[in-house]
Amino acid sequence: MTTEITGAEILVKCLAEEGVEHVFGYPGGAVLYIYDAIFNQDKFQHILVRHEQAAIHAADAYSRSSQKVGVALVTSGPGVTNAVTGLATAYMDSIPMVIISGQVPSHAIGQDAFQECDTVGITRPCVKHNFLVKDVRDLATTVKKAFYIATTGRPGPVLIDIPKDISMHKTTYHYPKEVEMRSYKPVDKGHAGQIRKAVQLLLSAERPMIYTGGGVILANASAELNKLVDQLGFPCTNTLMGLGAYRASDDKFVGMPGMHGTYEANMAMQNCDVLIAIGARFDDRVIGNPKHFASFPRKIIHIDIDPSSISKRVKVDIPIVGNVKDVLVEFLSQLSSAEIKPNPSNLAKWWKQINTWREQDCLKFAPSTEVIKPQSVVQKVWELTKGDAFITSDVGQHQMWAAQYYRFDKPRRWINSGGLGTMGVGLPYAMGVQMANPDATVACITGEASIQMCIQELATCKQYHLTPKIILLNNRALGMVRQWQQIDYGSRYSESYMDSLPDFNMLAESYGHVGMKIEKPSDVDGALKEAFAMKDKLVFMNFITDQSENVWPMVKAGKGLTEMLLGSEDL
């Protein structure tokens, strides 16, 4: 006789079959059968967060930093609604995740039952796909489909909503080895003819430019990208989400493009005659005003796994739909046998122009012996960690300074919210990164407003012995909001200053961690060395920074890439 087991036990077995090692979650009534099944297993560890939003963020960063699928578990009603911000964050950045949510019993759905909400309806706009399980016999197949959808094509979060009675019902267990879905057939291989055209066009360029995004990292194609750039000798720029895809220490890297990108990257993007976009989507923060961008004639090659991203904002000449890694492998193969080669004279002229733009030294800032410059703190972190740390950030000025001044040479080391721009992610991101990379150095660069949004996760860090170094660039303001108000709103600082802040040292210590307050520039180096030497402790460093410092360069909203403000003198 075949033994029947509960839906909760089936779910746990499915997760184990997928090789899941960590699940981030928070229990509640609708998922108690599942938590009971977790209690009776030893295949994976459950991490108890202090808020459901943090569970999704931590699972998100776990995936970003490890090439694994992040998994989270939340209860019905407020458990799901608290998770929506995390889902939208992961969805915007195409992060492969599987989220399990509890639901009220099947017979109570639609009856306004206690802790009921329309999970499928609420989450539909911010997940790649979602399921409501109506029969326990479908549960194992649904889990297999969820992992398959999350990790193939353009990745993204997939949610499985499980009514409480489904987790209690019994059936026989069988986990399918693979699934076939008629309506979902992602393409991996790029069209060979299109790739051939792209190779020929790129090699004939006089002013070529390689523009790459987070798709290179998601596809694990950094090695292929580095080989391509090195072989061609062309300039390369990585977007905010693509930092580390091509090594920042190489002269061929011209910096990040876009709103707070480098002068040389933006000028090269605008003035090139052939642009190849690899795993990037011409985001509004990257190209500025699309009409201005299109006013400079250039040929565009676009490689992306998602056909809907191609020619969505910018018309392209040679579209190539496929997995970035697969396409680059074929691209390199065709490159090696191509009859034409880049013209050395034209390339030398192009590099001379780019180096002239570089002479602007757009990331320079005035040092001070009186007040801590936030940029200098990031530079010191980079020097001290030798560029080998995992850096998480929240969202705002500190995020941009981290992206500008920490030079990433490896992929999956820069963990931030790019598409949604979610404040509060930094600390739970650091938790997820450290769970996935227990022996690595992890630092969270944050602001005094962002850190307070998920600061309760200091308790989670204490419980699970997580020891990231928190680097708070404290300017006592909503820094990026204040900057925009200064530039665009006549310096009317409406609600952008923080008039009541906690004693962060005492707060950190109350959770059982180490707190530091650093107010003098001369103390920055020593404090960082002391903190990073404490391998077994979470150290919360409160750097009191220059309140008036802004992020430069800057392309104002609605402006083009060549209309950059390089500093306050341009206002």
Protein backbone atom coordinates (compact mmCIF):
# COMPACT_ATOMS: atom_id res chain seq x y z
CA MET A 1 0.00 0.00 0.00
CA THR A 2 1.38 3.44 -0.98
CA THR A 3 1.71 5.81 1.96
CA GLU A 4 -0.11 9.11 1.77
CA ILE A 5 1.35 12.26 3.30
CA THR A 6 0.02 15.76 3.92
CA GLY A 7 0.35 18.68 1.53
CA ALA A 8 2.67 20.35 4.05
CA GLU A 9 4.94 17.31 4.05
CA ILE A 10 4.83 17.21 0.24
CA LEU A 11 5.90 20.86 0.08
CA VAL A 12 8.86 20.23 2.38
CA LYS A 13 9.94 17.22 0.31
CA CYS A 14 9.66 19.24 -2.91
CA LEU A 15 11.87 22.00 -1.52
CA ALA A 16 14.45 19.41 -0.47
CA GLU A 17 14.38 17.87 -3.97
CA GLU A 18 15.13 21.31 -5.42
CA GLY A 19 18.21 21.53 -3.23
CA VAL A 20 16.87 24.36 -1.09
CA GLU A 21 19.15 25.01 1.89
CA HIS A 22 17.55 28.08 3.48
CA VAL A 23 13.98 29.36 3.72
CA PHE A 24 13.31 32.86 5.06
CA GLY A 25 9.93 33.28 6.68
CA TYR A 26 7.49 34.19 9.42
CA PRO A 27 4.75 31.86 10.71
CA GLY A 28 1.03 32.48 11.01
CA GLY A 29 -2.20 30.54 11.27
CA ALA A 30 -2.57 29.66 7.57
CA VAL A 31 0.90 28.06 7.37
CA LEU A 32 1.10 26.22 10.68
CA TYR A 33 0.81 22.77 9.07
CA ILE A 34 3.75 23.76 6.88
CA TYR A 35 5.75 24.95 9.88
CA ASP A 36 4.96 21.72 11.67
CA ALA A 37 6.37 19.80 8.69
CA ILE A 38 9.46 22.02 8.73
CA PHE A 39 9.95 21.16 12.41
CA ASN A 40 10.12 17.47 11.50
CA GLN A 41 12.74 17.76 8.71
CA ASP A 42 16.47 18.41 8.55
CA LYS A 43 17.08 19.13 4.85
CA PHE A 44 16.99 22.91 5.03
CA GLN A 45 17.21 25.67 7.63
CA HIS A 46 14.41 28.10 8.29
CA ILE A 47 15.47 31.69 9.07
CA LEU A 48 12.95 33.51 11.28
CA VAL A 49 12.90 37.17 10.25
CA ARG A 50 11.10 39.93 12.16
CA HIS A 51 8.97 41.20 9.26
CA GLU A 52 7.72 39.51 6.09
CA GLN A 53 9.18 42.23 3.88
CA ALA A 54 12.62 41.32 5.21
CA ALA A 55 12.01 37.64 4.41
CA ILE A 56 11.51 38.43 0.73
CA HIS A 57 14.46 40.85 0.62
CA ALA A 58 16.76 38.33 2.31
CA ALA A 59 15.70 35.55 -0.06
CA ASP A 60 16.17 37.98 -2.95
CA ALA A 61 19.77 38.80 -1.96
CA TYR A 62 20.44 35.13 -1.25
CA SER A 63 19.64 34.49 -4.90
CA ARG A 64 21.49 37.52 -6.29
CA SER A 65 24.71 36.55 -4.53
CA SER A 66 24.69 32.77 -5.03
CA GLN A 67 23.08 31.72 -8.34
CA LYS A 68 20.50 29.80 -6.28
CA VAL A 69 16.75 30.28 -6.04
CA GLY A 70 15.70 32.36 -3.05
CA VAL A 71 12.80 30.85 -1.10
CA ALA A 72 10.47 32.59 1.36
CA LEU A 73 7.41 31.53 3.34
CA VAL A 74 4.70 33.87 4.64
CA THR A 75 1.21 33.51 6.01
CA SER A 76 -2.07 34.80 4.57
CA GLY A 77 -3.54 38.31 4.72
CA PRO A 78 -1.07 40.77 6.25
CA GLY A 79 1.74 38.25 5.81
CA VAL A 80 1.29 38.46 2.04
CA THR A 81 0.63 42.19 1.89
CA ASN A 82 3.78 42.84 3.93
CA ALA A 83 5.66 40.76 1.35
CA VAL A 84 4.44 42.68 -1.71
CA THR A 85 7.19 45.33 -1.60
CA GLY A 86 9.81 42.58 -1.61
CA LEU A 87 8.08 40.82 -4.50
CA ALA A 88 7.94 44.01 -6.58
CA THR A 89 11.61 44.68 -5.80
CA ALA A 90 12.66 41.22 -7.02
CA TYR A 91 10.35 41.38 -10.02
CA MET A 92 11.78 44.68 -11.27
CA ASP A 93 15.31 43.27 -11.07
CA SER A 94 14.42 39.82 -12.53
CA ILE A 95 15.50 37.75 -9.52
CA PRO A 96 14.64 34.02 -9.49
CA MET A 97 12.63 33.27 -6.35
CA VAL A 98 9.84 31.02 -5.14
CA ILE A 99 7.53 32.42 -2.48
CA ILE A 100 5.05 30.23 -0.63
CA SER A 101 2.08 31.97 0.96
CA GLY A 102 -0.60 30.53 3.17
CA GLN A 103 -4.24 31.10 2.36
CA VAL A 104 -7.47 30.65 4.33
CA PRO A 105 -9.19 27.24 3.86
CA SER A 106 -10.63 26.68 0.39
CA HIS A 107 -14.25 26.84 1.55
CA ALA A 108 -13.63 30.26 3.16
CA ILE A 109 -12.05 31.92 0.12
CA GLY A 110 -14.19 34.87 -0.94
CA GLN A 111 -16.01 34.99 2.42
CA ASP A 112 -13.90 37.77 3.96
CA ALA A 113 -12.47 35.23 6.36
CA PHE A 114 -10.01 36.22 9.07
CA GLN A 115 -6.66 37.15 7.51
CA GLU A 116 -7.95 36.60 3.97
CA CYS A 117 -6.85 38.61 0.97
CA ASP A 118 -6.86 38.00 -2.77
CA THR A 119 -3.23 36.96 -2.94
CA VAL A 120 -3.31 35.99 -6.61
CA GLY A 121 -4.94 39.30 -7.57
CA ILE A 122 -2.74 41.47 -5.36
CA THR A 123 0.54 39.90 -6.45
CA ARG A 124 -0.20 39.36 -10.15
CA PRO A 125 1.41 42.67 -11.29
CA CYS A 126 4.63 42.07 -9.34
CA VAL A 127 5.49 38.40 -9.94
CA LYS A 128 6.49 36.51 -13.05
CA HIS A 129 3.67 34.06 -12.34
CA ASN A 130 1.51 32.89 -9.45
CA PHE A 131 -0.51 29.80 -8.57
CA LEU A 132 -3.45 29.07 -6.27
CA VAL A 133 -3.34 25.36 -5.38
CA LYS A 134 -6.85 23.93 -5.36
CA ASP A 135 -6.06 20.22 -5.05
CA VAL A 136 -3.32 18.63 -2.97
CA ARG A 137 -2.65 16.22 -5.85
CA ASP A 138 -1.43 19.21 -7.92
CA LEU A 139 0.94 20.56 -5.29
CA ALA A 140 4.17 18.75 -6.25
CA THR A 141 3.77 19.57 -9.94
CA THR A 142 2.99 23.19 -9.08
CA VAL A 143 6.20 23.50 -7.06
CA LYS A 144 8.19 22.02 -9.96
CA LYS A 145 6.57 24.49 -12.36
CA ALA A 146 7.32 27.38 -10.00
CA PHE A 147 11.05 26.63 -9.86
CA TYR A 148 11.16 26.09 -13.62
CA ILE A 149 9.41 29.37 -14.42
CA ALA A 150 11.46 31.32 -11.88
CA THR A 151 14.81 30.21 -13.32
CA THR A 152 14.25 30.04 -17.07
CA GLY A 153 13.81 32.76 -19.68
CA ARG A 154 13.89 36.15 -18.01
CA PRO A 155 14.05 35.12 -14.33
CA GLY A 156 11.64 36.39 -11.72
CA PRO A 157 9.71 35.63 -8.53
CA VAL A 158 6.93 33.02 -8.64
CA LEU A 159 4.34 32.74 -5.86
CA ILE A 160 2.46 29.63 -4.74
CA ASP A 161 -0.66 30.32 -2.65
CA ILE A 162 -1.64 27.28 -0.56
CA PRO A 163 -4.98 27.19 1.30
CA LYS A 164 -4.69 25.78 4.82
CA ASP A 165 -6.82 22.72 4.07
CA ILE A 166 -4.60 21.82 1.09
CA SER A 167 -1.59 21.72 3.43
CA MET A 168 -3.57 19.34 5.67
CA HIS A 169 -5.04 17.02 2.99
CA LYS A 170 -3.19 13.81 2.13
CA THR A 171 -2.13 12.17 -1.10
CA THR A 172 0.70 10.06 -2.47
CA TYR A 173 3.96 11.84 -3.18
CA HIS A 174 5.68 12.03 -6.55
CA TYR A 175 7.96 14.85 -7.63
CA PRO A 176 8.26 15.15 -11.42
CA LYS A 177 11.77 15.24 -12.89
CA GLU A 178 10.71 17.87 -15.43
CA VAL A 179 7.62 19.75 -16.56
CA GLU A 180 6.27 20.63 -19.96
CA MET A 181 4.24 23.82 -20.36
CA ARG A 182 2.64 24.50 -23.73
CA SER A 183 2.29 28.24 -23.15
CA TYR A 184 5.83 28.78 -21.85
CA LYS A 185 8.71 28.06 -24.21
CA PRO A 186 11.64 30.40 -23.47
CA VAL A 187 14.31 30.72 -26.15
CA ASP A 188 17.97 30.27 -25.13
CA LYS A 189 19.92 30.17 -28.38
CA GLY A 190 20.21 33.36 -30.39
CA HIS A 191 19.58 33.37 -34.14
CA ALA A 192 22.93 32.57 -35.81
CA GLY A 193 22.19 34.84 -38.79
CA GLN A 194 21.42 37.79 -36.52
CA ILE A 195 24.58 37.17 -34.54
CA ARG A 196 26.58 37.10 -37.78
CA LYS A 197 25.12 40.46 -38.80
CA ALA A 198 25.90 41.87 -35.35
CA VAL A 199 29.52 40.70 -35.48
CA GLN A 200 30.02 42.29 -38.90
CA LEU A 201 28.42 45.56 -37.83
CA LEU A 202 30.42 45.76 -34.60
CA LEU A 203 33.73 45.04 -36.32
CA SER A 204 33.09 47.74 -38.92
CA ALA A 205 32.38 50.41 -36.30
CA GLU A 206 34.57 53.49 -36.02
CA ARG A 207 33.29 54.44 -32.58
CA PRO A 208 32.03 51.21 -30.95
CA MET A 209 30.52 51.00 -27.47
CA ILE A 210 29.63 47.97 -25.31
CA TYR A 211 26.75 48.65 -22.91
CA THR A 212 25.87 45.90 -20.44
CA GLY A 213 23.29 45.39 -17.73
CA GLY A 214 22.13 43.03 -15.03
CA GLY A 215 21.22 40.40 -17.61
CA VAL A 216 24.91 39.55 -17.99
CA ILE A 217 25.14 38.77 -14.28
CA LEU A 218 21.85 36.86 -14.14
CA ALA A 219 23.02 34.72 -17.08
CA ASN A 220 26.41 34.07 -15.43
CA ALA A 221 28.03 35.47 -18.56
CA SER A 222 30.69 37.67 -16.97
CA ALA A 223 33.56 35.50 -18.20
CA GLU A 224 32.28 35.67 -21.77
CA LEU A 225 31.79 39.44 -21.54
CA ASN A 226 35.31 39.98 -20.21
CA LYS A 227 36.70 37.87 -23.03
CA LEU A 228 34.69 39.82 -25.61
CA VAL A 229 35.78 43.24 -24.34
CA ASP A 230 39.42 42.22 -23.97
CA GLN A 231 39.51 40.66 -27.40
CA LEU A 232 38.00 43.68 -29.13
CA GLY A 233 39.60 46.41 -27.03
CA PHE A 234 36.35 48.40 -27.08
CA PRO A 235 35.08 50.66 -24.27
CA CYS A 236 32.59 49.04 -21.90
CA THR A 237 30.07 50.45 -19.47
CA ASN A 238 28.09 48.53 -16.82
CA THR A 239 24.74 49.81 -15.57
CA LEU A 240 23.91 50.03 -11.86
CA MET A 241 22.58 46.46 -12.02
CA GLY A 242 25.50 45.26 -14.12
CA LEU A 243 28.40 46.51 -11.98
CA GLY A 244 31.06 43.82 -11.75
CA ALA A 245 30.05 42.13 -14.98
CA TYR A 246 33.16 43.66 -16.55
CA ARG A 247 36.01 44.40 -14.14
CA ALA A 248 36.15 48.03 -13.02
CA SER A 249 39.94 47.90 -12.56
CA ASP A 250 40.52 47.70 -16.34
CA ASP A 251 41.05 50.86 -18.40
CA LYS A 252 38.46 49.66 -20.93
CA PHE A 253 35.80 50.17 -18.25
CA VAL A 254 34.57 53.75 -18.59
CA GLY A 255 32.33 53.73 -15.53
CA MET A 256 28.61 53.53 -14.97
CA PRO A 257 26.26 55.28 -17.43
CA GLY A 258 23.14 57.27 -16.76
CA MET A 259 21.75 59.79 -14.30
CA HIS A 260 24.73 59.53 -11.93
CA GLY A 261 27.12 57.86 -14.33
CA THR A 262 30.50 59.15 -15.46
CA TYR A 263 30.94 61.90 -18.00
CA GLU A 264 33.01 59.62 -20.25
CA ALA A 265 30.46 56.78 -20.17
CA ASN A 266 27.56 59.06 -21.06
CA MET A 267 29.43 60.91 -23.78
CA ALA A 268 30.61 57.62 -25.30
CA MET A 269 27.07 56.20 -25.17
CA GLN A 270 25.74 59.25 -26.97
CA ASN A 271 28.53 59.69 -29.54
CA CYS A 272 29.26 56.10 -30.57
CA ASP A 273 28.34 54.94 -34.07
CA VAL A 274 27.61 51.31 -33.10
CA LEU A 275 26.20 50.41 -29.69
CA ILE A 276 25.82 46.82 -28.54
CA ALA A 277 23.45 46.44 -25.58
CA ILE A 278 23.91 43.15 -23.71
CA GLY A 279 21.37 42.20 -21.04
CA ALA A 280 20.32 45.82 -20.59
CA ARG A 281 16.99 47.49 -21.26
CA PHE A 282 17.68 51.19 -21.98
CA ASP A 283 16.17 52.21 -18.66
CA ASP A 284 15.10 55.83 -18.19
CA ARG A 285 17.82 56.31 -15.55
CA VAL A 286 20.42 55.07 -18.07
CA ILE A 287 19.65 56.91 -21.32
CA GLY A 288 17.77 59.94 -20.01
CA ASN A 289 15.33 61.45 -22.50
CA PRO A 290 14.70 58.85 -25.28
CA LYS A 291 14.15 61.59 -27.89
CA HIS A 292 17.47 63.20 -27.05
CA PHE A 293 19.17 59.78 -27.08
CA ALA A 294 17.69 58.98 -30.51
CA SER A 295 18.74 62.36 -31.94
CA PHE A 296 22.35 61.11 -32.23
CA PRO A 297 22.55 58.65 -35.16
CA ARG A 298 23.96 55.22 -34.29
CA LYS A 299 23.33 51.57 -35.12
CA ILE A 300 22.13 49.48 -32.17
CA ILE A 301 22.52 45.75 -31.52
CA HIS A 302 20.40 44.47 -28.64
CA ILE A 303 20.87 41.06 -26.97
CA ASP A 304 18.21 40.11 -24.41
CA ILE A 305 16.38 37.00 -23.20
CA ASP A 306 13.11 38.93 -23.07
CA PRO A 307 11.73 39.82 -26.52
CA SER A 308 9.38 42.39 -24.97
CA SER A 309 12.39 44.44 -23.81
CA ILE A 310 13.75 44.86 -27.32
CA SER A 311 12.73 48.10 -29.07
CA LYS A 312 10.54 48.90 -26.07
CA ARG A 313 12.14 52.29 -25.35
CA VAL A 314 14.71 52.59 -28.13
CA LYS A 315 14.41 51.30 -31.70
CA VAL A 316 17.18 48.81 -32.44
CA ASP A 317 18.69 47.67 -35.75
CA ILE A 318 19.74 44.10 -34.95
CA PRO A 319 17.65 42.36 -32.28
CA ILE A 320 18.96 39.07 -30.86
CA VAL A 321 16.64 37.16 -28.53
CA GLY A 322 18.36 34.57 -26.38
CA ASN A 323 20.17 33.76 -23.18
CA VAL A 324 23.07 36.21 -22.88
CA LYS A 325 25.62 33.52 -22.10
CA ASP A 326 24.59 31.33 -25.04
CA VAL A 327 24.57 34.30 -27.41
CA LEU A 328 28.00 35.52 -26.27
CA VAL A 329 29.48 32.03 -26.70
CA GLU A 330 28.26 32.01 -30.31
CA PHE A 331 29.31 35.65 -30.74
CA LEU A 332 32.88 34.84 -29.64
CA SER A 333 32.96 31.83 -31.92
CA GLN A 334 31.94 33.88 -34.94
CA LEU A 335 34.29 36.68 -33.92
CA SER A 336 37.31 34.38 -34.04
CA SER A 337 36.55 33.36 -37.62
CA ALA A 338 35.45 36.79 -38.89
CA GLU A 339 37.29 38.03 -41.97
CA ILE A 340 37.25 41.71 -41.02
CA LYS A 341 38.98 43.11 -37.94
CA PRO A 342 38.55 46.40 -36.05
CA ASN A 343 40.42 49.30 -37.65
CA PRO A 344 43.28 50.14 -35.21
CA SER A 345 43.50 53.75 -36.41
CA ASN A 346 39.80 54.42 -35.89
CA LEU A 347 39.84 52.74 -32.50
CA ALA A 348 42.87 54.79 -31.42
CA LYS A 349 41.07 58.03 -32.38
CA TRP A 350 37.99 56.90 -30.45
CA TRP A 351 40.02 56.10 -27.33
CA LYS A 352 41.77 59.46 -27.59
CA GLN A 353 38.37 61.17 -27.53
CA ILE A 354 37.18 59.04 -24.59
CA ASN A 355 40.35 59.81 -22.63
CA THR A 356 39.78 63.51 -23.28
CA TRP A 357 36.35 63.15 -21.67
CA ARG A 358 38.00 61.23 -18.83
CA GLU A 359 40.17 64.24 -18.07
CA GLN A 360 37.07 65.92 -16.64
CA ASP A 361 37.66 63.66 -13.60
CA CYS A 362 33.94 63.86 -12.93
CA LEU A 363 34.07 61.85 -9.68
CA LYS A 364 36.57 64.13 -7.95
CA PHE A 365 35.43 65.66 -4.68
CA ALA A 366 36.95 68.19 -2.31
CA PRO A 367 38.62 66.45 0.66
CA SER A 368 38.12 67.86 4.13
CA THR A 369 39.86 67.68 7.48
CA GLU A 370 36.82 69.10 9.24
CA VAL A 371 33.90 66.94 8.13
CA ILE A 372 33.63 63.36 6.84
CA LYS A 373 33.01 63.14 3.11
CA PRO A 374 30.75 60.15 2.34
CA GLN A 375 32.68 59.37 -0.85
CA SER A 376 35.90 58.97 1.13
CA VAL A 377 34.28 56.42 3.44
CA VAL A 378 33.30 54.25 0.46
CA GLN A 379 36.79 54.59 -1.01
CA LYS A 380 38.31 53.46 2.30
CA VAL A 381 35.97 50.45 2.43
CA TRP A 382 37.08 49.51 -1.10
CA GLU A 383 40.76 49.85 -0.18
CA LEU A 384 40.41 47.93 3.07
CA THR A 385 38.45 45.03 1.56
CA LYS A 386 40.65 45.04 -1.57
CA GLY A 387 37.46 45.21 -3.62
CA ASP A 388 36.55 41.67 -2.65
CA ALA A 389 33.59 42.24 -0.30
CA PHE A 390 29.90 41.76 -0.94
CA ILE A 391 28.39 45.24 -0.75
CA THR A 392 24.69 45.73 -0.13
CA SER A 393 23.04 49.12 -0.12
CA ASP A 394 19.75 50.79 0.50
CA VAL A 395 18.48 53.49 -1.85
CA GLY A 396 19.53 57.11 -2.10
CA GLN A 397 22.72 59.13 -2.15
CA HIS A 398 24.69 56.46 -0.31
CA GLN A 399 23.67 53.92 -2.97
CA MET A 400 25.06 56.11 -5.75
CA TRP A 401 28.29 56.81 -3.86
CA ALA A 402 28.73 53.08 -3.30
CA ALA A 403 28.20 52.42 -7.02
CA GLN A 404 30.60 55.20 -8.02
CA TYR A 405 33.46 54.69 -5.56
CA TYR A 406 33.53 50.96 -4.80
CA ARG A 407 35.12 49.44 -7.90
CA PHE A 408 33.63 46.01 -8.53
CA ASP A 409 35.79 43.46 -10.35
CA LYS A 410 33.51 40.46 -9.83
CA PRO A 411 29.82 39.80 -10.55
CA ARG A 412 27.24 39.23 -7.81
CA ARG A 413 29.20 41.35 -5.31
CA TRP A 414 26.98 44.45 -5.63
CA ILE A 415 23.51 43.85 -4.20
CA ASN A 416 21.04 46.72 -4.50
CA SER A 417 17.50 47.54 -5.54
CA GLY A 418 17.79 48.96 -9.06
CA GLY A 419 14.39 48.94 -10.71
CA LEU A 420 12.05 49.65 -7.79
CA GLY A 421 14.48 51.66 -5.66
CA THR A 422 13.32 50.18 -2.36
CA MET A 423 14.48 51.80 0.86
CA GLY A 424 15.00 49.28 3.66
CA VAL A 425 16.59 46.49 1.63
CA GLY A 426 20.17 46.96 2.80
CA LEU A 427 20.15 45.07 6.11
CA PRO A 428 17.98 42.11 5.00
CA TYR A 429 20.05 41.97 1.81
CA ALA A 430 23.18 41.64 3.96
CA MET A 431 21.50 38.82 5.89
CA GLY A 432 20.64 36.92 2.73
CA VAL A 433 24.11 37.42 1.28
CA GLN A 434 25.80 36.13 4.42
CA MET A 435 23.54 33.07 4.64
CA ALA A 436 24.54 32.23 1.06
CA ASN A 437 28.22 33.15 1.56
CA PRO A 438 28.99 32.44 5.24
CA ASP A 439 32.75 33.00 5.00
CA ALA A 440 32.63 36.20 2.95
CA THR A 441 33.09 39.81 4.04
CA VAL A 442 29.72 41.56 3.84
CA ALA A 443 29.15 45.29 4.26
CA CYS A 444 25.88 47.21 4.13
CA ILE A 445 26.26 50.84 3.02
CA THR A 446 23.14 52.67 4.13
CA GLY A 447 21.54 55.94 5.20
CA GLU A 448 19.91 56.91 8.47
CA ALA A 449 16.45 56.96 6.86
CA SER A 450 16.72 53.66 4.96
CA ILE A 451 18.22 51.65 7.82
CA GLN A 452 15.27 52.40 10.08
CA MET A 453 12.81 50.76 7.70
CA CYS A 454 13.97 47.22 8.48
CA ILE A 455 16.16 47.84 11.53
CA GLN A 456 14.29 45.17 13.49
CA GLU A 457 16.32 42.63 11.52
CA LEU A 458 19.24 43.35 13.84
CA ALA A 459 17.48 40.77 16.03
CA THR A 460 17.57 38.21 13.21
CA CYS A 461 21.28 38.86 12.77
CA LYS A 462 21.83 38.22 16.48
CA GLN A 463 19.82 35.00 16.50
CA TYR A 464 21.65 33.48 13.52
CA HIS A 465 25.12 34.91 14.29
CA LEU A 466 25.21 37.05 11.14
CA THR A 467 28.01 39.61 11.24
CA PRO A 468 27.78 42.13 8.39
CA LYS A 469 29.42 45.51 8.89
CA ILE A 470 26.86 48.31 8.69
CA ILE A 471 28.28 51.54 7.30
CA LEU A 472 25.80 54.32 7.96
CA LEU A 473 26.53 57.50 6.00
CA ASN A 474 24.52 59.73 8.31
CA ASN A 475 23.73 63.16 6.86
CA ARG A 476 20.58 63.64 8.98
CA ALA A 477 18.42 64.04 5.87
CA LEU A 478 16.59 62.16 3.15
CA GLY A 479 19.66 62.91 1.10
CA MET A 480 18.50 62.30 -2.46
CA VAL A 481 15.14 63.97 -1.80
CA ARG A 482 17.00 66.95 -0.30
CA GLN A 483 19.30 67.09 -3.36
CA TRP A 484 16.39 67.16 -5.78
CA GLN A 485 14.64 69.80 -3.68
CA GLN A 486 17.79 71.94 -3.80
CA ILE A 487 18.15 71.60 -7.58
CA ASP A 488 14.55 71.52 -8.83
CA TYR A 489 12.38 72.97 -6.04
CA GLY A 490 14.11 76.22 -5.11
CA SER A 491 15.75 74.75 -1.99
CA ARG A 492 12.36 74.27 -0.35
CA TYR A 493 13.21 71.32 1.88
CA SER A 494 9.76 69.93 2.53
CA GLU A 495 9.97 67.07 5.06
CA SER A 496 13.42 65.92 3.94
CA TYR A 497 15.34 66.46 7.17
CA MET A 498 15.37 63.96 10.03
CA ASP A 499 14.77 65.97 13.19
CA SER A 500 14.72 63.04 15.61
CA LEU A 501 17.20 60.21 15.20
CA PRO A 502 17.94 57.41 17.65
CA ASP A 503 21.30 56.89 19.29
CA PHE A 504 22.40 54.27 16.79
CA ASN A 505 25.24 53.08 19.03
CA MET A 506 22.90 52.31 21.92
CA LEU A 507 20.34 50.85 19.52
CA ALA A 508 22.88 48.45 18.03
CA GLU A 509 24.14 47.50 21.47
CA SER A 510 20.59 46.87 22.71
CA TYR A 511 20.34 44.15 20.06
CA GLY A 512 23.62 42.67 21.25
CA HIS A 513 25.90 44.16 18.58
CA VAL A 514 28.83 46.60 18.56
CA GLY A 515 28.13 50.29 17.95
CA MET A 516 30.57 53.00 16.81
CA LYS A 517 30.14 56.71 16.18
CA ILE A 518 32.72 58.36 13.91
CA GLU A 519 32.71 62.16 13.58
CA LYS A 520 36.25 63.11 12.46
CA PRO A 521 37.83 62.39 9.08
CA SER A 522 41.02 61.35 10.83
CA ASP A 523 39.16 58.53 12.59
CA VAL A 524 37.58 56.94 9.50
CA ASP A 525 40.43 54.63 8.54
CA GLY A 526 41.04 53.36 12.07
CA ALA A 527 37.35 52.74 12.75
CA LEU A 528 36.92 50.71 9.56
CA LYS A 529 40.01 48.62 10.28
CA GLU A 530 38.82 47.94 13.82
CA ALA A 531 35.33 46.99 12.63
CA PHE A 532 36.41 44.65 9.85
CA ALA A 533 38.88 42.98 12.22
CA MET A 534 35.91 41.89 14.38
CA LYS A 535 35.03 38.90 12.20
CA ASP A 536 32.56 37.43 14.68
CA LYS A 537 30.58 40.60 15.41
CA LEU A 538 28.04 42.77 13.66
CA VAL A 539 29.46 46.28 13.89
CA PHE A 540 27.19 49.27 13.34
CA MET A 541 29.30 52.26 12.26
CA ASN A 542 27.56 55.62 12.41
CA PHE A 543 29.60 58.03 10.25
CA ILE A 544 28.46 61.63 10.71
CA THR A 545 28.97 62.97 7.20
CA ASP A 546 28.84 66.30 5.37
CA GLN A 547 25.17 67.23 5.26
CA SER A 548 25.52 69.42 2.17
CA GLU A 549 27.24 66.88 -0.08
CA ASN A 550 25.45 65.99 -3.32
CA VAL A 551 25.87 63.16 -5.83
CA TRP A 552 27.64 64.34 -8.98
CA PRO A 553 27.55 64.06 -11.95
CA MET A 554 23.81 64.26 -12.50
CA VAL A 555 21.46 64.19 -15.49
CA LYS A 556 18.24 65.91 -14.50
CA ALA A 557 14.93 64.23 -15.29
CA GLY A 558 13.88 64.90 -18.88
CA LYS A 559 17.39 65.83 -19.99
CA GLY A 560 19.76 64.00 -22.32
CA LEU A 561 23.03 62.26 -21.50
CA THR A 562 25.13 65.11 -22.86
CA GLU A 563 23.30 67.64 -20.64
CA MET A 564 25.06 66.59 -17.45
CA LEU A 565 25.58 68.69 -14.35
CA LEU A 566 29.13 68.01 -13.20
CA GLY A 567 28.83 69.88 -9.91
CA SER A 568 27.12 72.66 -7.99
CA GLU A 569 28.84 75.20 -10.25
CA ASP A 570 26.57 74.01 -13.10
CA LEU A 571 23.35 74.85 -11.26
